Amino acid sequence: MHGRGDCDWGGRDWPMAVALGFVGFVVSLGTQFVGTKWAGAANGALITSTSPAFIVLFAALLLRERITWVKAASVALATVGVGVVIGPEALWSGSGGQALWGKLLLLVAGMTWGLYTVMGKRFSQRHGALATTFWACVTGAVLNLPFALLEPAPRPLADWPLAAWAAVAYIAFVSTAVAFFLWNYGFQLIDAGTGSLFFFAQPLVGALLGWGWLGEPLGMGFVVGGLLIAAGVVLATRDEKPVQGGTAAVKRKGSGPGAAKNASG
């Protein structure tokens, strides 16, 4: 159909697709990986949890979404919850040199993930979440190729155990393709400020997996922090308004008189 958003590409769409891959897959994920390596996993979980605040900010600047006190309070409440889950003692494991640079990189990762999410929401409103995820992955992979040359030589593929292949497959298909599609599709359906709160599920799931698979203990911090995060999400969703420009907006493209004229022509 002529009016389908995923087919109706304009001159500004290709640069936006490249920008999505660069911001989300090169800058944001790159700084997150290096920052976590230098500053530690606890700092990585907490500092990148600034992403929802940046999502709310960029949504106000680029999508003209209102920053209500409910959204601001929800983000603040859930951010405190992440800190409680992680525990303050884990955040002071390093304070200088490489650890400090790692924390700065993690802040960049949180900021650019917020920008990527809002850019992706705008792109999804025009082309749909599937096309957004596909082109962000493709352009991001191409732009990351030069950086791959800086990595040390991997082990020969013949020496990889079955568990390594399973891990790569999971990362590629489940935690990248499927997860990124669901993230983009979710933001296509609800406003960015409310959607940002679901980012806080990551530290909770990580803590649960650590308990179930690695035998790491769960203390009262997990319970209290989880309740704070849940309270933030509930507070935001109660303030949720129907989104104009979600999936219906993609379908509506081409439904007006101009599209009918094009179809008949």
Protein backbone atom coordinates (compact mmCIF):
# COMPACT_ATOMS: atom_id res chain seq x y z
CA MET A 1 0.00 0.00 0.00
CA HIS A 2 1.28 3.45 -0.87
CA GLY A 3 0.47 4.98 2.49
CA ARG A 4 2.19 2.45 4.76
CA GLY A 5 4.70 4.20 7.02
CA ASP A 6 7.36 1.48 6.60
CA CYS A 7 7.48 2.03 2.81
CA ASP A 8 7.06 5.79 2.52
CA TRP A 9 10.68 6.92 2.91
CA GLY A 10 11.68 10.55 2.48
CA GLY A 11 15.02 12.29 2.08
CA ARG A 12 15.46 12.76 5.83
CA ASP A 13 14.70 9.16 6.77
CA TRP A 14 18.02 7.61 5.75
CA PRO A 15 20.14 10.08 7.77
CA MET A 16 17.82 9.45 10.73
CA ALA A 17 18.27 5.67 10.37
CA VAL A 18 22.05 6.12 10.41
CA ALA A 19 21.78 8.45 13.41
CA LEU A 20 19.75 5.83 15.29
CA GLY A 21 22.46 3.23 14.78
CA PHE A 22 25.23 5.65 15.72
CA VAL A 23 23.61 7.07 18.86
CA GLY A 24 22.12 3.83 20.15
CA PHE A 25 24.56 1.10 19.11
CA VAL A 26 27.89 2.90 18.78
CA VAL A 27 27.88 5.66 21.40
CA SER A 28 25.40 4.45 24.02
CA LEU A 29 26.20 0.74 24.09
CA GLY A 30 29.90 1.36 23.52
CA THR A 31 30.25 3.74 26.46
CA GLN A 32 28.11 1.42 28.61
CA PHE A 33 30.36 -1.59 27.99
CA VAL A 34 33.62 0.29 28.53
CA GLY A 35 32.23 2.24 31.48
CA THR A 36 30.98 -0.91 33.19
CA LYS A 37 34.36 -2.59 32.66
CA TRP A 38 36.18 0.36 34.27
CA ALA A 39 33.73 1.33 37.02
CA GLY A 40 32.11 -2.00 37.90
CA ALA A 41 28.70 -3.57 37.39
CA ALA A 42 27.04 -1.81 40.34
CA ASN A 43 27.99 1.63 39.04
CA GLY A 44 26.97 0.51 35.57
CA ALA A 45 23.49 -0.43 36.77
CA LEU A 46 22.93 2.73 38.79
CA ILE A 47 24.47 5.41 36.57
CA THR A 48 22.82 4.14 33.38
CA SER A 49 19.56 4.32 35.32
CA THR A 50 19.72 8.05 34.59
CA SER A 51 18.32 7.08 31.17
CA PRO A 52 14.65 7.56 32.16
CA ALA A 53 15.37 11.12 33.30
CA PHE A 54 17.03 11.85 29.95
CA ILE A 55 14.14 10.18 28.10
CA VAL A 56 11.71 12.53 29.83
CA LEU A 57 13.95 15.51 29.02
CA PHE A 58 14.47 14.66 25.35
CA ALA A 59 10.77 13.80 24.95
CA ALA A 60 9.95 17.31 26.15
CA LEU A 61 12.48 18.87 23.75
CA LEU A 62 11.85 16.75 20.64
CA LEU A 63 8.31 15.43 21.04
CA ARG A 64 6.81 18.30 23.05
CA GLU A 65 5.67 15.96 25.85
CA ARG A 66 4.86 17.75 29.09
CA ILE A 67 7.08 17.09 32.08
CA THR A 68 4.50 16.74 34.84
CA TRP A 69 5.35 16.53 38.51
CA VAL A 70 4.02 12.97 38.46
CA LYS A 71 6.54 11.93 35.80
CA ALA A 72 9.39 13.68 37.60
CA ALA A 73 8.44 12.13 40.94
CA SER A 74 8.08 8.67 39.38
CA VAL A 75 11.56 8.80 37.83
CA ALA A 76 13.10 10.08 41.07
CA LEU A 77 11.34 7.41 43.16
CA ALA A 78 12.42 4.57 40.89
CA THR A 79 16.01 5.89 40.70
CA VAL A 80 16.23 5.83 44.50
CA GLY A 81 14.89 2.28 44.34
CA VAL A 82 17.73 1.22 42.03
CA GLY A 83 20.25 2.66 44.49
CA VAL A 84 18.64 0.70 47.32
CA VAL A 85 18.68 -2.54 45.31
CA ILE A 86 22.37 -2.18 44.48
CA GLY A 87 23.42 -1.01 47.93
CA PRO A 88 25.52 2.08 48.67
CA GLU A 89 28.62 0.11 49.61
CA ALA A 90 29.01 -1.23 46.06
CA LEU A 91 29.03 2.24 44.52
CA TRP A 92 32.22 3.41 46.23
CA SER A 93 34.43 0.58 45.03
CA GLY A 94 36.42 3.01 42.91
CA SER A 95 36.64 6.79 42.94
CA GLY A 96 39.65 7.81 40.89
CA GLY A 97 41.58 7.16 37.70
CA GLN A 98 39.98 4.57 35.47
CA ALA A 99 36.94 4.18 37.74
CA LEU A 100 36.17 7.90 37.48
CA TRP A 101 36.43 7.85 33.70
CA GLY A 102 34.21 4.78 33.71
CA LYS A 103 31.52 6.62 35.65
CA LEU A 104 31.67 9.54 33.21
CA LEU A 105 31.28 7.14 30.29
CA LEU A 106 28.30 5.54 32.01
CA LEU A 107 26.69 8.96 32.33
CA VAL A 108 27.20 9.48 28.59
CA ALA A 109 25.64 6.05 28.02
CA GLY A 110 22.56 6.99 30.05
CA MET A 111 22.16 10.31 28.26
CA THR A 112 22.57 8.89 24.74
CA TRP A 113 20.23 5.97 25.45
CA GLY A 114 17.60 8.53 26.40
CA LEU A 115 18.23 10.34 23.10
CA TYR A 116 18.14 7.08 21.11
CA THR A 117 14.82 6.09 22.70
CA VAL A 118 13.14 9.38 21.81
CA MET A 119 14.61 9.35 18.29
CA GLY A 120 13.36 5.78 17.92
CA LYS A 121 9.88 6.75 19.08
CA ARG A 122 9.69 9.48 16.45
CA PHE A 123 10.99 7.10 13.76
CA SER A 124 8.53 4.38 14.84
CA GLN A 125 5.61 6.78 14.53
CA ARG A 126 6.53 7.14 10.86
CA HIS A 127 7.77 3.67 9.92
CA GLY A 128 6.79 1.30 12.73
CA ALA A 129 8.84 -0.38 15.44
CA LEU A 130 10.04 -3.30 13.29
CA ALA A 131 11.62 -1.07 10.64
CA THR A 132 13.09 1.13 13.39
CA THR A 133 14.73 -1.85 15.08
CA PHE A 134 15.97 -3.34 11.81
CA TRP A 135 17.64 -0.22 10.49
CA ALA A 136 19.10 0.76 13.85
CA CYS A 137 20.69 -2.71 14.14
CA VAL A 138 21.98 -2.72 10.55
CA THR A 139 23.48 0.78 10.61
CA GLY A 140 24.82 0.25 14.12
CA ALA A 141 26.55 -2.99 13.07
CA VAL A 142 28.17 -1.33 10.04
CA LEU A 143 29.34 1.68 12.07
CA ASN A 144 30.79 -0.60 14.74
CA LEU A 145 32.95 -2.56 12.29
CA PRO A 146 35.98 -0.18 12.55
CA PHE A 147 35.91 -0.51 16.34
CA ALA A 148 35.84 -4.29 16.04
CA LEU A 149 39.33 -4.11 14.51
CA LEU A 150 40.60 -2.71 17.83
CA GLU A 151 39.48 -5.80 19.72
CA PRO A 152 41.98 -8.58 20.42
CA ALA A 153 41.84 -11.58 18.11
CA PRO A 154 39.09 -14.01 19.25
CA ARG A 155 39.59 -17.69 19.86
CA PRO A 156 39.26 -19.82 16.69
CA LEU A 157 35.62 -20.65 16.09
CA ALA A 158 36.43 -24.35 16.14
CA ASP A 159 37.49 -24.01 19.79
CA TRP A 160 34.22 -22.43 20.91
CA PRO A 161 32.21 -24.66 23.27
CA LEU A 162 28.50 -25.16 22.71
CA ALA A 163 27.72 -22.87 25.66
CA ALA A 164 29.58 -20.00 23.94
CA TRP A 165 27.55 -20.44 20.75
CA ALA A 166 24.33 -20.52 22.79
CA ALA A 167 25.34 -17.34 24.59
CA VAL A 168 26.08 -15.53 21.31
CA ALA A 169 22.76 -16.68 19.84
CA TYR A 170 20.88 -15.49 22.92
CA ILE A 171 22.59 -12.08 22.86
CA ALA A 172 21.95 -11.65 19.14
CA PHE A 173 18.34 -12.81 18.89
CA VAL A 174 16.76 -12.46 22.32
CA SER A 175 18.47 -9.62 24.17
CA THR A 176 19.12 -7.57 21.00
CA ALA A 177 16.62 -8.24 18.20
CA VAL A 178 13.58 -9.19 20.28
CA ALA A 179 14.27 -6.90 23.23
CA PHE A 180 15.00 -3.84 21.10
CA PHE A 181 11.88 -4.44 19.01
CA LEU A 182 9.71 -4.71 22.12
CA TRP A 183 11.33 -1.57 23.56
CA ASN A 184 10.65 0.44 20.39
CA TYR A 185 7.14 -0.99 20.01
CA GLY A 186 6.29 -0.16 23.61
CA PHE A 187 7.31 3.45 23.12
CA GLN A 188 5.23 3.55 19.96
CA LEU A 189 2.16 2.76 22.07
CA ILE A 190 2.66 4.96 25.17
CA ASP A 191 4.24 8.30 25.89
CA ALA A 192 8.00 8.37 26.41
CA GLY A 193 7.85 9.65 29.98
CA THR A 194 5.79 6.70 31.19
CA GLY A 195 7.65 4.15 29.07
CA SER A 196 10.97 5.26 30.54
CA LEU A 197 9.98 3.83 33.93
CA PHE A 198 10.14 0.26 32.62
CA PHE A 199 13.90 0.69 32.19
CA PHE A 200 14.12 0.10 35.94
CA ALA A 201 13.11 -3.54 35.50
CA GLN A 202 16.71 -4.29 34.48
CA PRO A 203 18.39 -4.14 37.92
CA LEU A 204 15.53 -6.14 39.46
CA VAL A 205 15.78 -8.88 36.85
CA GLY A 206 19.57 -8.84 37.15
CA ALA A 207 19.40 -9.29 40.91
CA LEU A 208 16.88 -12.13 40.59
CA LEU A 209 19.02 -13.93 38.00
CA GLY A 210 22.07 -13.49 40.19
CA TRP A 211 20.16 -15.08 43.06
CA GLY A 212 18.74 -17.93 40.99
CA TRP A 213 21.77 -18.82 38.86
CA LEU A 214 24.78 -17.60 40.82
CA GLY A 215 23.56 -18.04 44.38
CA GLU A 216 23.99 -14.35 45.21
CA PRO A 217 22.02 -13.37 48.34
CA LEU A 218 18.99 -11.07 48.23
CA GLY A 219 18.58 -8.83 51.28
CA MET A 220 15.99 -6.34 52.41
CA GLY A 221 17.50 -3.81 50.03
CA PHE A 222 16.13 -5.81 47.11
CA VAL A 223 12.64 -5.88 48.62
CA VAL A 224 12.57 -2.19 49.59
CA GLY A 225 14.17 -1.05 46.34
CA GLY A 226 11.82 -3.21 44.30
CA LEU A 227 8.82 -1.70 46.04
CA LEU A 228 10.11 1.82 45.34
CA ILE A 229 10.60 1.00 41.67
CA ALA A 230 7.14 -0.55 41.46
CA ALA A 231 5.64 2.51 43.17
CA GLY A 232 7.29 4.76 40.61
CA VAL A 233 5.93 2.72 37.69
CA VAL A 234 2.41 2.57 39.18
CA LEU A 235 2.45 6.31 39.85
CA ALA A 236 3.44 7.04 36.26
CA THR A 237 0.94 4.65 34.66
CA ARG A 238 -1.92 6.12 36.69
CA ASP A 239 -1.05 9.46 35.08
CA GLU A 240 -0.86 7.90 31.60
CA LYS A 241 -2.84 9.56 28.82
CA PRO A 242 -3.74 7.95 25.46
CA VAL A 243 -0.95 8.53 22.95
CA GLN A 244 -1.62 10.33 19.72
CA GLY A 245 0.71 9.08 17.03
CA GLY A 246 1.22 5.45 18.03
CA THR A 247 0.47 2.48 15.80
CA ALA A 248 -2.66 4.16 14.56
CA ALA A 249 -0.59 7.07 13.32
CA VAL A 250 1.50 4.75 11.14
CA LYS A 251 -1.64 3.17 9.75
CA ARG A 252 -3.32 6.54 9.23
CA LYS A 253 -0.54 7.66 6.90
CA GLY A 254 -2.03 7.56 3.43
CA SER A 255 -5.64 7.37 4.58
CA GLY A 256 -6.50 10.94 3.63
CA PRO A 257 -7.62 12.49 0.33
CA GLY A 258 -4.04 12.77 -0.93
CA ALA A 259 -3.44 9.04 -0.53
CA ALA A 260 -6.69 8.21 -2.26
CA LYS A 261 -5.60 10.38 -5.16
CA ASN A 262 -2.24 8.62 -5.32
CA ALA A 263 -3.90 5.21 -5.18
CA SER A 264 -6.29 6.05 -7.96
CA GLY A 265 -3.48 7.51 -10.02
